Amino acid sequence: MTRTTYRCQCGAFLEFKQDLEKEPGTTTRNWKCRDCGTPVPGITAEKISHQDPS
């Protein structure tokens, strides 16, 4: 299976769930870049959130 990756506007390379931060206090999953807090597109973030570096 191919890994999903995303390049944030701040230049961070998002590849694993550790690179994302879930927005607190929301009923739906809204993911942000851990480095800068920029929202990550939903489908891409969901795929990345299931990836582990192991």
Protein backbone atom coordinates (compact mmCIF):
# COMPACT_ATOMS: atom_id res chain seq x y z
CA MET A 1 0.00 0.00 0.00
CA THR A 2 1.27 3.44 -0.90
CA ARG A 3 1.91 5.91 1.90
CA THR A 4 0.07 9.22 1.80
CA THR A 5 2.20 12.32 2.32
CA TYR A 6 1.46 16.03 2.39
CA ARG A 7 3.69 19.12 2.21
CA CYS A 8 2.33 21.85 4.50
CA GLN A 9 2.49 25.54 3.59
CA CYS A 10 5.14 25.96 6.30
CA GLY A 11 7.32 23.41 4.53
CA ALA A 12 6.75 20.54 6.97
CA PHE A 13 6.54 17.07 5.43
CA LEU A 14 3.55 15.24 6.94
CA GLU A 15 3.70 11.47 6.66
CA PHE A 16 2.69 9.93 10.01
CA LYS A 17 0.01 10.52 12.63
CA GLN A 18 2.69 12.04 14.89
CA ASP A 19 2.99 14.89 12.36
CA LEU A 20 -0.67 15.86 12.88
CA GLU A 21 -2.55 17.45 15.73
CA LYS A 22 -6.28 16.93 16.27
CA GLU A 23 -8.20 20.13 16.83
CA PRO A 24 -9.65 19.91 20.36
CA GLY A 25 -13.29 20.55 21.16
CA THR A 26 -14.73 19.47 17.82
CA THR A 27 -17.15 16.63 17.18
CA THR A 28 -15.61 15.86 13.81
CA ARG A 29 -11.93 15.18 13.22
CA ASN A 30 -10.21 18.36 12.14
CA TRP A 31 -6.48 17.88 11.72
CA LYS A 32 -3.74 20.51 11.77
CA CYS A 33 -0.02 20.54 11.06
CA ARG A 34 1.79 19.97 14.37
CA ASP A 35 4.48 22.51 13.44
CA CYS A 36 2.41 25.53 12.46
CA GLY A 37 -1.27 24.74 13.10
CA THR A 38 -2.37 25.08 9.48
CA PRO A 39 -5.43 22.93 8.69
CA VAL A 40 -4.68 19.82 6.61
CA PRO A 41 -7.26 18.72 3.98
CA GLY A 42 -9.65 16.17 5.52
CA ILE A 43 -9.20 13.10 3.33
CA THR A 44 -5.41 13.47 3.26
CA ALA A 45 -5.27 13.99 7.03
CA GLU A 46 -7.43 10.92 7.68
CA LYS A 47 -5.16 8.74 5.59
CA ILE A 48 -2.04 10.11 7.31
CA SER A 49 -3.64 9.67 10.77
CA HIS A 50 -3.71 5.89 10.19
CA GLN A 51 -0.02 5.67 9.25
CA ASP A 52 2.58 4.67 11.79
CA PRO A 53 6.38 4.85 11.32
CA SER A 54 6.85 1.25 12.47
